[in-house]
Amino acid sequence: MGLQEACDSHPFGDRFGWTPRHRVATLEAIQTTLNEASTIVVVGAAIKKEALDQPFDAGTVFVAADGAVGACLGRVDVACVVTDLDGEPHLSNAVGQGIPFVVHAHGDNDEAWKRCLSKWATTGGVRLVLTHQTDEAIEGMHNPGGFTDGDRAACFLSWLGVPDDKIRWAGFATDRVGPWSGTTHAERKLAKLSWMARVLSLIDPGWAKRCIDDD
């Protein structure tokens, strides 16, 4: 059973917001929040907490890439977390604050999503949007594109029609593994970050000029 089937058939799916109609409503709510925002800051794994302590204009919302949500909690308002579920314990902390997750399912995270669904079921659930990256259409899931959680967040915003000039970037270093990354192999992660930069440049050529930190 895949992630989408597990959510669709969960006995408490209605209560937890996991059914197809609830996931549609969650996606619509995220899109409304992003459309109404004056600025959207995408937060990556290299973020430094002090970068989020600066004053932001009213109407600024934040989209966190996986474990980077840990730097955001208690500092800024997070519209959603884009994740493949390796950002613990920060993801569980975000669940406790009712932040919706855009969860990516792939071949290497079956155990992660099973573990997370089981854990979330004991704490009242979390609002979900489900994504994949196959060449097939899967009912109840979406394929915005991307490679790592950081550029998947960028692809998600682009897919929703968010204009590039509305987006700012924080914590998107490409020369080191950020402190908010999940458990990872450093050399492999650096190669992935190189691909992340390529994806970002394809969908938003001016992204690096709109970074709000030193990374």
N, C-alpha and C. Protein backbone atom coordinates (compact mmCIF):
# COMPACT_ATOMS: atom_id res chain seq x y z
N MET A 1 0.84 -1.20 0.00
CA MET A 1 0.00 0.00 0.00
C MET A 1 0.88 1.25 0.00
N GLY A 2 0.58 2.21 -0.89
CA GLY A 2 1.33 3.45 -0.95
C GLY A 2 0.77 4.50 0.00
N LEU A 3 1.45 5.64 0.05
CA LEU A 3 1.05 6.72 0.95
C LEU A 3 -0.37 7.20 0.67
N GLN A 4 -0.68 7.39 -0.61
CA GLN A 4 -2.01 7.89 -0.96
C GLN A 4 -3.10 6.90 -0.54
N GLU A 5 -2.86 5.62 -0.79
CA GLU A 5 -3.84 4.60 -0.39
C GLU A 5 -3.98 4.54 1.13
N ALA A 6 -2.85 4.67 1.83
CA ALA A 6 -2.88 4.62 3.29
C ALA A 6 -3.70 5.77 3.86
N CYS A 7 -3.55 6.94 3.27
CA CYS A 7 -4.33 8.10 3.73
C CYS A 7 -5.80 7.95 3.38
N ASP A 8 -6.06 7.52 2.15
CA ASP A 8 -7.45 7.39 1.70
C ASP A 8 -8.24 6.38 2.53
N SER A 9 -7.57 5.31 2.95
CA SER A 9 -8.28 4.22 3.61
C SER A 9 -8.15 4.23 5.13
N HIS A 10 -7.47 5.22 5.67
CA HIS A 10 -7.27 5.24 7.12
C HIS A 10 -8.62 5.36 7.83
N PRO A 11 -8.86 4.56 8.85
CA PRO A 11 -10.18 4.58 9.51
C PRO A 11 -10.55 5.92 10.13
N PHE A 12 -9.54 6.74 10.44
CA PHE A 12 -9.81 8.05 11.01
C PHE A 12 -9.38 9.17 10.05
N GLY A 13 -9.38 8.85 8.75
CA GLY A 13 -8.95 9.81 7.75
C GLY A 13 -9.74 11.10 7.77
N ASP A 14 -11.04 11.01 7.99
CA ASP A 14 -11.87 12.22 8.05
C ASP A 14 -11.47 13.09 9.23
N ARG A 15 -11.26 12.47 10.36
CA ARG A 15 -10.90 13.21 11.56
C ARG A 15 -9.53 13.88 11.42
N PHE A 16 -8.60 13.19 10.76
CA PHE A 16 -7.23 13.68 10.67
C PHE A 16 -6.99 14.60 9.47
N GLY A 17 -7.97 14.68 8.55
CA GLY A 17 -7.78 15.52 7.37
C GLY A 17 -6.99 14.86 6.27
N TRP A 18 -7.05 13.53 6.18
CA TRP A 18 -6.23 12.79 5.24
C TRP A 18 -6.99 12.32 4.01
N THR A 19 -8.30 12.42 3.99
CA THR A 19 -9.07 11.93 2.86
C THR A 19 -8.86 12.84 1.65
N PRO A 20 -9.19 12.37 0.44
CA PRO A 20 -8.99 13.20 -0.75
C PRO A 20 -9.64 14.58 -0.64
N ARG A 21 -10.88 14.64 -0.15
CA ARG A 21 -11.55 15.95 -0.09
C ARG A 21 -10.88 16.86 0.93
N HIS A 22 -10.39 16.29 2.01
CA HIS A 22 -9.68 17.11 2.99
C HIS A 22 -8.35 17.60 2.44
N ARG A 23 -7.68 16.76 1.67
CA ARG A 23 -6.39 17.17 1.08
C ARG A 23 -6.60 18.28 0.05
N VAL A 24 -7.69 18.20 -0.69
CA VAL A 24 -8.02 19.29 -1.62
C VAL A 24 -8.24 20.59 -0.86
N ALA A 25 -8.98 20.50 0.24
CA ALA A 25 -9.24 21.70 1.05
C ALA A 25 -7.95 22.26 1.64
N THR A 26 -7.03 21.38 2.04
CA THR A 26 -5.74 21.85 2.57
C THR A 26 -4.94 22.57 1.51
N LEU A 27 -4.90 22.00 0.30
CA LEU A 27 -4.18 22.65 -0.79
C LEU A 27 -4.78 24.01 -1.10
N GLU A 28 -6.10 24.10 -1.13
CA GLU A 28 -6.76 25.38 -1.40
C GLU A 28 -6.45 26.40 -0.31
N ALA A 29 -6.41 25.95 0.93
CA ALA A 29 -6.10 26.86 2.04
C ALA A 29 -4.67 27.38 1.95
N ILE A 30 -3.73 26.49 1.60
CA ILE A 30 -2.34 26.91 1.42
C ILE A 30 -2.24 27.93 0.29
N GLN A 31 -2.90 27.63 -0.82
CA GLN A 31 -2.85 28.54 -1.97
C GLN A 31 -3.43 29.90 -1.63
N THR A 32 -4.51 29.93 -0.88
CA THR A 32 -5.10 31.20 -0.46
C THR A 32 -4.12 31.99 0.40
N THR A 33 -3.49 31.31 1.35
CA THR A 33 -2.51 31.98 2.21
C THR A 33 -1.37 32.57 1.39
N LEU A 34 -0.87 31.82 0.43
CA LEU A 34 0.24 32.29 -0.39
C LEU A 34 -0.19 33.42 -1.31
N ASN A 35 -1.39 33.32 -1.86
CA ASN A 35 -1.89 34.38 -2.74
C ASN A 35 -2.07 35.69 -1.99
N GLU A 36 -2.51 35.60 -0.74
CA GLU A 36 -2.77 36.80 0.04
C GLU A 36 -1.51 37.40 0.66
N ALA A 37 -0.43 36.65 0.68
CA ALA A 37 0.81 37.14 1.27
C ALA A 37 1.44 38.21 0.39
N SER A 38 2.08 39.18 1.02
CA SER A 38 2.83 40.18 0.25
C SER A 38 4.19 39.64 -0.17
N THR A 39 4.78 38.81 0.68
CA THR A 39 6.09 38.21 0.43
C THR A 39 6.09 36.79 0.98
N ILE A 40 6.76 35.90 0.26
CA ILE A 40 6.91 34.52 0.72
C ILE A 40 8.40 34.23 0.86
N VAL A 41 8.81 33.83 2.04
CA VAL A 41 10.20 33.47 2.29
C VAL A 41 10.30 31.95 2.34
N VAL A 42 11.09 31.38 1.45
CA VAL A 42 11.33 29.94 1.47
C VAL A 42 12.59 29.69 2.30
N VAL A 43 12.46 28.83 3.30
CA VAL A 43 13.53 28.62 4.27
C VAL A 43 14.16 27.25 4.05
N GLY A 44 15.47 27.26 3.77
CA GLY A 44 16.21 26.03 3.53
C GLY A 44 17.03 25.59 4.72
N ALA A 45 17.70 24.45 4.57
CA ALA A 45 18.36 23.78 5.69
C ALA A 45 19.59 24.49 6.20
N ALA A 46 20.13 25.45 5.45
CA ALA A 46 21.31 26.19 5.91
C ALA A 46 20.94 27.46 6.67
N ILE A 47 19.68 27.62 6.99
CA ILE A 47 19.23 28.83 7.66
C ILE A 47 19.88 28.99 9.04
N LYS A 48 20.20 30.22 9.37
CA LYS A 48 20.66 30.56 10.72
C LYS A 48 19.48 31.23 11.43
N LYS A 49 19.27 30.85 12.67
CA LYS A 49 18.10 31.36 13.38
C LYS A 49 18.03 32.87 13.38
N GLU A 50 19.20 33.52 13.51
CA GLU A 50 19.19 34.99 13.60
C GLU A 50 18.68 35.64 12.31
N ALA A 51 18.77 34.92 11.18
CA ALA A 51 18.24 35.47 9.93
C ALA A 51 16.73 35.61 9.99
N LEU A 52 16.09 34.85 10.86
CA LEU A 52 14.64 34.91 11.00
C LEU A 52 14.21 35.84 12.13
N ASP A 53 15.17 36.41 12.82
CA ASP A 53 14.85 37.34 13.90
C ASP A 53 14.74 38.78 13.42
N GLN A 54 15.07 39.02 12.14
CA GLN A 54 14.96 40.37 11.59
C GLN A 54 13.49 40.74 11.43
N PRO A 55 13.19 42.03 11.39
CA PRO A 55 11.78 42.42 11.18
C PRO A 55 11.34 42.15 9.75
N PHE A 56 10.21 41.54 9.59
CA PHE A 56 9.63 41.29 8.27
C PHE A 56 8.37 42.11 8.11
N ASP A 57 8.09 42.52 6.89
CA ASP A 57 6.90 43.30 6.61
C ASP A 57 5.64 42.49 6.95
N ALA A 58 4.61 43.21 7.34
CA ALA A 58 3.32 42.56 7.55
C ALA A 58 2.89 41.89 6.25
N GLY A 59 2.32 40.72 6.37
CA GLY A 59 1.91 40.00 5.17
C GLY A 59 2.94 39.03 4.65
N THR A 60 4.09 38.92 5.35
CA THR A 60 5.11 37.95 4.97
C THR A 60 4.78 36.59 5.57
N VAL A 61 4.82 35.55 4.75
CA VAL A 61 4.64 34.19 5.25
C VAL A 61 5.84 33.36 4.83
N PHE A 62 5.97 32.19 5.44
CA PHE A 62 7.16 31.37 5.26
C PHE A 62 6.78 29.96 4.83
N VAL A 63 7.59 29.42 3.94
CA VAL A 63 7.46 28.03 3.52
C VAL A 63 8.78 27.34 3.89
N ALA A 64 8.70 26.31 4.70
CA ALA A 64 9.91 25.64 5.19
C ALA A 64 10.17 24.37 4.41
N ALA A 65 11.45 24.15 4.10
CA ALA A 65 11.87 22.90 3.48
C ALA A 65 12.27 21.92 4.58
N ASP A 66 11.43 20.95 4.81
CA ASP A 66 11.70 19.84 5.71
C ASP A 66 12.14 20.31 7.10
N GLY A 67 13.30 19.86 7.58
CA GLY A 67 13.73 20.15 8.94
C GLY A 67 13.99 21.60 9.23
N ALA A 68 14.10 22.44 8.20
CA ALA A 68 14.30 23.87 8.41
C ALA A 68 13.15 24.50 9.17
N VAL A 69 12.03 23.80 9.23
CA VAL A 69 10.91 24.33 10.02
C VAL A 69 11.31 24.47 11.49
N GLY A 70 12.31 23.70 11.92
CA GLY A 70 12.77 23.81 13.30
C GLY A 70 13.31 25.18 13.64
N ALA A 71 13.92 25.84 12.66
CA ALA A 71 14.43 27.20 12.88
C ALA A 71 13.31 28.22 12.88
N CYS A 72 12.18 27.87 12.27
CA CYS A 72 11.07 28.82 12.12
C CYS A 72 10.15 28.85 13.34
N LEU A 73 10.02 27.73 14.00
CA LEU A 73 9.03 27.61 15.08
C LEU A 73 9.32 28.60 16.19
N GLY A 74 8.28 29.34 16.57
CA GLY A 74 8.42 30.35 17.60
C GLY A 74 8.97 31.67 17.10
N ARG A 75 9.29 31.74 15.80
CA ARG A 75 9.85 32.96 15.23
C ARG A 75 8.95 33.56 14.14
N VAL A 76 8.51 32.73 13.22
CA VAL A 76 7.76 33.23 12.07
C VAL A 76 6.57 32.32 11.81
N ASP A 77 5.62 32.82 11.01
CA ASP A 77 4.42 32.06 10.66
C ASP A 77 4.70 31.21 9.42
N VAL A 78 4.54 29.92 9.57
CA VAL A 78 4.84 28.97 8.48
C VAL A 78 3.55 28.55 7.80
N ALA A 79 3.48 28.80 6.49
CA ALA A 79 2.28 28.43 5.72
C ALA A 79 2.21 26.94 5.47
N CYS A 80 3.37 26.31 5.25
CA CYS A 80 3.42 24.87 5.03
C CYS A 80 4.87 24.41 5.08
N VAL A 81 5.04 23.11 5.25
CA VAL A 81 6.35 22.47 5.19
C VAL A 81 6.35 21.53 3.99
N VAL A 82 7.36 21.66 3.14
CA VAL A 82 7.54 20.75 2.02
C VAL A 82 8.58 19.71 2.44
N THR A 83 8.20 18.44 2.46
CA THR A 83 9.05 17.46 3.12
C THR A 83 8.94 16.06 2.53
N ASP A 84 10.07 15.33 2.58
CA ASP A 84 10.02 13.89 2.32
C ASP A 84 10.22 13.12 3.62
N LEU A 85 10.06 13.82 4.74
CA LEU A 85 9.90 13.21 6.07
C LEU A 85 11.19 12.73 6.71
N ASP A 86 12.32 13.38 6.39
CA ASP A 86 13.54 13.01 7.11
C ASP A 86 14.01 14.13 8.03
N GLY A 87 13.12 15.07 8.35
CA GLY A 87 13.50 16.23 9.14
C GLY A 87 13.11 16.17 10.60
N GLU A 88 13.05 14.99 11.16
CA GLU A 88 12.73 14.88 12.59
C GLU A 88 13.91 15.36 13.45
N PRO A 89 13.64 15.82 14.67
CA PRO A 89 12.36 15.88 15.39
C PRO A 89 11.54 17.13 15.08
N HIS A 90 12.05 17.95 14.15
CA HIS A 90 11.43 19.25 13.89
C HIS A 90 10.05 19.11 13.27
N LEU A 91 9.86 18.06 12.47
CA LEU A 91 8.55 17.86 11.85
C LEU A 91 7.48 17.59 12.90
N SER A 92 7.80 16.76 13.87
CA SER A 92 6.83 16.47 14.92
C SER A 92 6.46 17.72 15.70
N ASN A 93 7.44 18.59 15.91
CA ASN A 93 7.15 19.85 16.60
C ASN A 93 6.22 20.72 15.77
N ALA A 94 6.39 20.69 14.45
CA ALA A 94 5.52 21.47 13.57
C ALA A 94 4.11 20.90 13.56
N VAL A 95 3.99 19.57 13.62
CA VAL A 95 2.68 18.94 13.69
C VAL A 95 1.92 19.45 14.90
N GLY A 96 2.64 19.59 16.00
CA GLY A 96 2.01 20.08 17.22
C GLY A 96 1.48 21.48 17.12
N GLN A 97 1.96 22.24 16.12
CA GLN A 97 1.49 23.61 15.92
C GLN A 97 0.48 23.72 14.79
N GLY A 98 0.06 22.59 14.23
CA GLY A 98 -0.99 22.59 13.22
C GLY A 98 -0.57 23.07 11.85
N ILE A 99 0.72 23.02 11.55
CA ILE A 99 1.22 23.46 10.25
C ILE A 99 0.99 22.36 9.22
N PRO A 100 0.39 22.68 8.06
CA PRO A 100 0.16 21.64 7.05
C PRO A 100 1.46 21.20 6.37
N PHE A 101 1.47 19.95 5.93
CA PHE A 101 2.64 19.37 5.27
C PHE A 101 2.32 19.05 3.81
N VAL A 102 3.26 19.39 2.94
CA VAL A 102 3.24 18.93 1.55
C VAL A 102 4.23 17.78 1.51
N VAL A 103 3.73 16.56 1.53
CA VAL A 103 4.56 15.37 1.73
C VAL A 103 4.86 14.71 0.39
N HIS A 104 6.15 14.49 0.16
CA HIS A 104 6.60 13.85 -1.07
C HIS A 104 6.88 12.37 -0.82
N ALA A 105 6.27 11.52 -1.61
CA ALA A 105 6.49 10.07 -1.51
C ALA A 105 7.45 9.62 -2.59
N HIS A 106 8.48 8.88 -2.20
CA HIS A 106 9.39 8.30 -3.18
C HIS A 106 9.83 6.92 -2.71
N GLY A 107 10.62 6.25 -3.50
CA GLY A 107 10.96 4.85 -3.22
C GLY A 107 11.76 4.62 -1.97
N ASP A 108 12.41 5.66 -1.46
CA ASP A 108 13.29 5.49 -0.31
C ASP A 108 12.66 5.90 1.02
N ASN A 109 11.42 6.35 1.01
CA ASN A 109 10.87 6.82 2.29
C ASN A 109 9.59 6.09 2.71
N ASP A 110 9.42 4.87 2.22
CA ASP A 110 8.25 4.09 2.63
C ASP A 110 8.18 3.94 4.15
N GLU A 111 9.29 3.56 4.75
CA GLU A 111 9.29 3.36 6.20
C GLU A 111 9.04 4.67 6.93
N ALA A 112 9.57 5.76 6.38
CA ALA A 112 9.40 7.07 7.04
C ALA A 112 7.93 7.47 7.08
N TRP A 113 7.22 7.37 5.93
CA TRP A 113 5.83 7.83 5.96
C TRP A 113 4.95 6.89 6.77
N LYS A 114 5.26 5.61 6.77
CA LYS A 114 4.49 4.68 7.60
C LYS A 114 4.68 5.02 9.08
N ARG A 115 5.91 5.29 9.45
CA ARG A 115 6.20 5.65 10.84
C ARG A 115 5.53 6.96 11.21
N CYS A 116 5.58 7.93 10.29
CA CYS A 116 4.98 9.24 10.58
C CYS A 116 3.47 9.16 10.68
N LEU A 117 2.82 8.46 9.76
CA LEU A 117 1.36 8.33 9.83
C LEU A 117 0.95 7.69 11.15
N SER A 118 1.67 6.66 11.54
CA SER A 118 1.35 5.99 12.80
C SER A 118 1.51 6.94 13.98
N LYS A 119 2.58 7.71 13.96
CA LYS A 119 2.83 8.65 15.06
C LYS A 119 1.80 9.77 15.07
N TRP A 120 1.51 10.34 13.89
CA TRP A 120 0.56 11.44 13.80
C TRP A 120 -0.84 11.00 14.22
N ALA A 121 -1.16 9.73 13.95
CA ALA A 121 -2.48 9.23 14.32
C ALA A 121 -2.69 9.26 15.83
N THR A 122 -1.61 9.22 16.59
CA THR A 122 -1.74 9.26 18.05
C THR A 122 -1.83 10.68 18.59
N THR A 123 -1.59 11.67 17.73
CA THR A 123 -1.58 13.06 18.18
C THR A 123 -2.65 13.91 17.50
N GLY A 124 -3.57 13.25 16.77
CA GLY A 124 -4.68 13.99 16.18
C GLY A 124 -4.51 14.32 14.72
N GLY A 125 -3.45 13.80 14.08
CA GLY A 125 -3.27 14.00 12.66
C GLY A 125 -2.64 15.32 12.30
N VAL A 126 -2.47 15.54 11.00
CA VAL A 126 -1.91 16.77 10.45
C VAL A 126 -2.48 16.94 9.06
N ARG A 127 -2.74 18.17 8.66
CA ARG A 127 -3.28 18.41 7.32
C ARG A 127 -2.21 18.12 6.27
N LEU A 128 -2.61 17.41 5.22
CA LEU A 128 -1.64 16.93 4.24
C LEU A 128 -2.02 17.31 2.81
N VAL A 129 -0.98 17.52 2.00
CA VAL A 129 -1.05 17.51 0.54
C VAL A 129 -0.01 16.48 0.12
N LEU A 130 -0.34 15.61 -0.83
CA LEU A 130 0.56 14.54 -1.23
C LEU A 130 1.14 14.80 -2.62
N THR A 131 2.45 14.58 -2.77
CA THR A 131 3.10 14.76 -4.07
C THR A 131 3.91 13.53 -4.44
N HIS A 132 4.20 13.43 -5.73
CA HIS A 132 5.04 12.35 -6.25
C HIS A 132 5.83 12.90 -7.42
N GLN A 133 6.73 12.09 -7.98
CA GLN A 133 7.49 12.50 -9.16
C GLN A 133 7.65 11.33 -10.11
N THR A 134 6.54 10.79 -10.52
CA THR A 134 6.55 9.73 -11.52
C THR A 134 5.95 10.29 -12.80
N ASP A 135 6.05 9.52 -13.88
CA ASP A 135 5.50 9.99 -15.15
C ASP A 135 4.05 9.57 -15.32
N GLU A 136 3.44 9.10 -14.25
CA GLU A 136 2.04 8.70 -14.29
C GLU A 136 1.18 9.68 -13.49
N ALA A 137 -0.05 9.85 -13.91
CA ALA A 137 -1.00 10.64 -13.12
C ALA A 137 -1.54 9.76 -12.00
N ILE A 138 -1.50 10.26 -10.78
CA ILE A 138 -2.00 9.52 -9.62
C ILE A 138 -3.09 10.35 -8.98
N GLU A 139 -4.30 9.81 -8.98
CA GLU A 139 -5.43 10.54 -8.41
C GLU A 139 -5.20 10.81 -6.93
N GLY A 140 -5.40 12.05 -6.53
CA GLY A 140 -5.22 12.41 -5.13
C GLY A 140 -3.81 12.84 -4.78
N MET A 141 -2.90 12.83 -5.78
CA MET A 141 -1.53 13.30 -5.58
C MET A 141 -1.19 14.28 -6.69
N HIS A 142 -0.11 15.03 -6.50
CA HIS A 142 0.29 16.05 -7.46
C HIS A 142 1.78 15.91 -7.77
N ASN A 143 2.18 16.41 -8.92
CA ASN A 143 3.59 16.33 -9.33
C ASN A 143 4.10 17.70 -9.73
N PRO A 144 4.43 18.55 -8.75
CA PRO A 144 4.94 19.89 -9.07
C PRO A 144 6.37 19.87 -9.61
N GLY A 145 7.12 18.79 -9.33
CA GLY A 145 8.51 18.71 -9.75
C GLY A 145 9.48 18.98 -8.62
N GLY A 146 10.77 18.94 -8.96
CA GLY A 146 11.81 19.20 -7.98
C GLY A 146 12.64 17.97 -7.69
N PHE A 147 13.71 18.17 -6.90
CA PHE A 147 14.66 17.09 -6.63
C PHE A 147 14.93 16.94 -5.13
N THR A 148 15.27 18.04 -4.47
CA THR A 148 15.43 18.04 -3.02
C THR A 148 14.26 18.81 -2.41
N ASP A 149 14.14 18.75 -1.09
CA ASP A 149 13.02 19.46 -0.45
C ASP A 149 13.07 20.96 -0.75
N GLY A 150 14.26 21.53 -0.83
CA GLY A 150 14.38 22.96 -1.09
C GLY A 150 13.84 23.35 -2.45
N ASP A 151 14.29 22.67 -3.50
CA ASP A 151 13.79 23.04 -4.82
C ASP A 151 12.39 22.48 -5.08
N ARG A 152 12.00 21.43 -4.35
CA ARG A 152 10.60 21.01 -4.44
C ARG A 152 9.68 22.10 -3.91
N ALA A 153 10.13 22.80 -2.86
CA ALA A 153 9.33 23.93 -2.36
C ALA A 153 9.20 25.00 -3.43
N ALA A 154 10.29 25.28 -4.14
CA ALA A 154 10.26 26.26 -5.22
C ALA A 154 9.32 25.81 -6.34
N CYS A 155 9.42 24.54 -6.70
CA CYS A 155 8.55 24.02 -7.75
C CYS A 155 7.08 24.05 -7.33
N PHE A 156 6.83 23.78 -6.06
CA PHE A 156 5.47 23.83 -5.54
C PHE A 156 4.89 25.23 -5.69
N LEU A 157 5.67 26.25 -5.34
CA LEU A 157 5.20 27.63 -5.47
C LEU A 157 4.97 27.98 -6.94
N SER A 158 5.90 27.58 -7.79
CA SER A 158 5.75 27.85 -9.22
C SER A 158 4.50 27.17 -9.77
N TRP A 159 4.28 25.94 -9.37
CA TRP A 159 3.11 25.17 -9.81
C TRP A 159 1.81 25.86 -9.38
N LEU A 160 1.84 26.51 -8.22
CA LEU A 160 0.66 27.24 -7.75
C LEU A 160 0.51 28.61 -8.38
N GLY A 161 1.48 29.00 -9.20
CA GLY A 161 1.38 30.27 -9.89
C GLY A 161 1.90 31.46 -9.12
N VAL A 162 2.70 31.23 -8.07
CA VAL A 162 3.26 32.34 -7.30
C VAL A 162 4.32 33.04 -8.15
N PRO A 163 4.24 34.36 -8.33
CA PRO A 163 5.24 35.07 -9.13
C PRO A 163 6.61 35.07 -8.45
N ASP A 164 7.66 34.94 -9.27
CA ASP A 164 9.02 34.88 -8.74
C ASP A 164 9.36 36.07 -7.86
N ASP A 165 8.94 37.27 -8.28
CA ASP A 165 9.36 38.47 -7.55
C ASP A 165 8.71 38.60 -6.18
N LYS A 166 7.80 37.70 -5.88
CA LYS A 166 7.15 37.68 -4.56
C LYS A 166 7.93 36.81 -3.57
N ILE A 167 8.90 36.05 -4.08
CA ILE A 167 9.59 35.05 -3.28
C ILE A 167 10.97 35.54 -2.85
N ARG A 168 11.32 35.26 -1.60
CA ARG A 168 12.67 35.48 -1.08
C ARG A 168 13.20 34.13 -0.60
N TRP A 169 14.53 34.05 -0.52
CA TRP A 169 15.17 32.79 -0.18
C TRP A 169 16.07 32.97 1.04
N ALA A 170 16.06 32.01 1.94
CA ALA A 170 16.90 32.07 3.12
C ALA A 170 17.39 30.66 3.45
N GLY A 171 18.70 30.53 3.69
CA GLY A 171 19.24 29.22 4.05
C GLY A 171 19.44 28.29 2.88
N PHE A 172 19.75 28.85 1.71
CA PHE A 172 19.93 28.02 0.51
C PHE A 172 21.39 27.97 0.08
N ALA A 173 22.27 27.63 1.01
CA ALA A 173 23.68 27.42 0.68
C ALA A 173 23.82 26.17 -0.19
N THR A 174 24.76 26.21 -1.13
CA THR A 174 25.01 25.06 -1.99
C THR A 174 26.39 24.46 -1.78
N ASP A 175 27.17 25.03 -0.85
CA ASP A 175 28.54 24.57 -0.64
C ASP A 175 28.73 23.83 0.68
N ARG A 176 27.66 23.59 1.41
CA ARG A 176 27.77 22.87 2.68
C ARG A 176 26.39 22.31 3.05
N VAL A 177 26.42 21.29 3.88
CA VAL A 177 25.18 20.69 4.36
C VAL A 177 24.68 21.51 5.54
N GLY A 178 23.45 21.96 5.45
CA GLY A 178 22.90 22.83 6.48
C GLY A 178 22.61 22.10 7.78
N PRO A 179 22.61 22.82 8.89
CA PRO A 179 22.38 22.20 10.20
C PRO A 179 20.97 21.66 10.38
N TRP A 180 20.04 22.07 9.53
CA TRP A 180 18.66 21.61 9.66
C TRP A 180 18.34 20.48 8.70
N SER A 181 19.37 19.95 8.03
CA SER A 181 19.15 18.79 7.17
C SER A 181 18.90 17.56 8.04
N GLY A 182 18.13 16.64 7.51
CA GLY A 182 17.93 15.38 8.22
C GLY A 182 19.18 14.53 8.13
N THR A 183 19.12 13.33 8.66
CA THR A 183 20.24 12.40 8.58
C THR A 183 20.59 12.17 7.12
N THR A 184 21.87 12.39 6.79
CA THR A 184 22.24 12.34 5.38
C THR A 184 23.71 12.02 5.22
N HIS A 185 24.08 11.58 4.03
CA HIS A 185 25.47 11.35 3.66
C HIS A 185 26.00 12.64 3.07
N ALA A 186 27.02 13.23 3.70
CA ALA A 186 27.44 14.59 3.36
C ALA A 186 27.83 14.73 1.90
N GLU A 187 28.65 13.83 1.38
CA GLU A 187 29.11 13.96 -0.01
C GLU A 187 27.95 13.85 -0.98
N ARG A 188 27.06 12.91 -0.73
CA ARG A 188 25.90 12.75 -1.59
C ARG A 188 24.98 13.98 -1.50
N LYS A 189 24.85 14.52 -0.28
CA LYS A 189 23.99 15.69 -0.10
C LYS A 189 24.54 16.89 -0.86
N LEU A 190 25.85 17.07 -0.86
CA LEU A 190 26.44 18.20 -1.60
C LEU A 190 26.15 18.07 -3.10
N ALA A 191 26.20 16.85 -3.61
CA ALA A 191 25.86 16.64 -5.02
C ALA A 191 24.40 16.99 -5.28
N LYS A 192 23.53 16.64 -4.33
CA LYS A 192 22.12 16.99 -4.47
C LYS A 192 21.91 18.50 -4.43
N LEU A 193 22.70 19.19 -3.59
CA LEU A 193 22.57 20.64 -3.51
C LEU A 193 22.97 21.31 -4.82
N SER A 194 23.93 20.72 -5.52
CA SER A 194 24.30 21.23 -6.83
C SER A 194 23.13 21.12 -7.81
N TRP A 195 22.44 20.00 -7.75
CA TRP A 195 21.25 19.83 -8.58
C TRP A 195 20.14 20.77 -8.16
N MET A 196 20.02 20.99 -6.85
CA MET A 196 19.02 21.94 -6.35
C MET A 196 19.22 23.31 -6.98
N ALA A 197 20.48 23.76 -7.00
CA ALA A 197 20.77 25.07 -7.58
C ALA A 197 20.40 25.12 -9.06
N ARG A 198 20.62 24.01 -9.77
CA ARG A 198 20.28 23.96 -11.19
C ARG A 198 18.77 24.05 -11.38
N VAL A 199 18.03 23.33 -10.55
CA VAL A 199 16.56 23.38 -10.65
C VAL A 199 16.05 24.78 -10.34
N LEU A 200 16.58 25.39 -9.27
CA LEU A 200 16.16 26.74 -8.92
C LEU A 200 16.43 27.72 -10.06
N SER A 201 17.58 27.58 -10.69
CA SER A 201 17.94 28.50 -11.77
C SER A 201 17.06 28.31 -12.99
N LEU A 202 16.57 27.09 -13.19
CA LEU A 202 15.67 26.84 -14.31
C LEU A 202 14.31 27.48 -14.11
N ILE A 203 13.78 27.40 -12.90
CA ILE A 203 12.42 27.91 -12.68
C ILE A 203 12.40 29.36 -12.22
N ASP A 204 13.53 29.83 -11.67
CA ASP A 204 13.60 31.20 -11.15
C ASP A 204 15.03 31.71 -11.33
N PRO A 205 15.39 32.15 -12.55
CA PRO A 205 16.78 32.53 -12.83
C PRO A 205 17.36 33.58 -11.90
N GLY A 206 16.53 34.41 -11.30
CA GLY A 206 17.04 35.46 -10.43
C GLY A 206 17.00 35.13 -8.96
N TRP A 207 16.84 33.86 -8.63
CA TRP A 207 16.61 33.50 -7.22
C TRP A 207 17.75 33.95 -6.31
N ALA A 208 19.00 33.78 -6.74
CA ALA A 208 20.14 34.08 -5.87
C ALA A 208 20.20 35.56 -5.49
N LYS A 209 19.65 36.42 -6.34
CA LYS A 209 19.67 37.85 -6.05
C LYS A 209 18.62 38.23 -5.01
N ARG A 210 17.73 37.31 -4.71
CA ARG A 210 16.67 37.59 -3.73
C ARG A 210 16.85 36.79 -2.45
N CYS A 211 18.09 36.35 -2.19
CA CYS A 211 18.39 35.72 -0.91
C CYS A 211 18.47 36.81 0.16
N ILE A 212 17.92 36.54 1.32
CA ILE A 212 17.87 37.56 2.37
C ILE A 212 18.90 37.32 3.47
N ASP A 213 19.74 36.30 3.28
CA ASP A 213 20.81 36.06 4.25
C ASP A 213 22.13 35.97 3.50
N ASP A 214 23.18 35.56 4.18
CA ASP A 214 24.52 35.54 3.58
C ASP A 214 24.82 34.25 2.86
N ASP A 215 23.84 33.37 2.78
CA ASP A 215 24.10 32.05 2.22
C ASP A 215 23.74 31.98 0.74
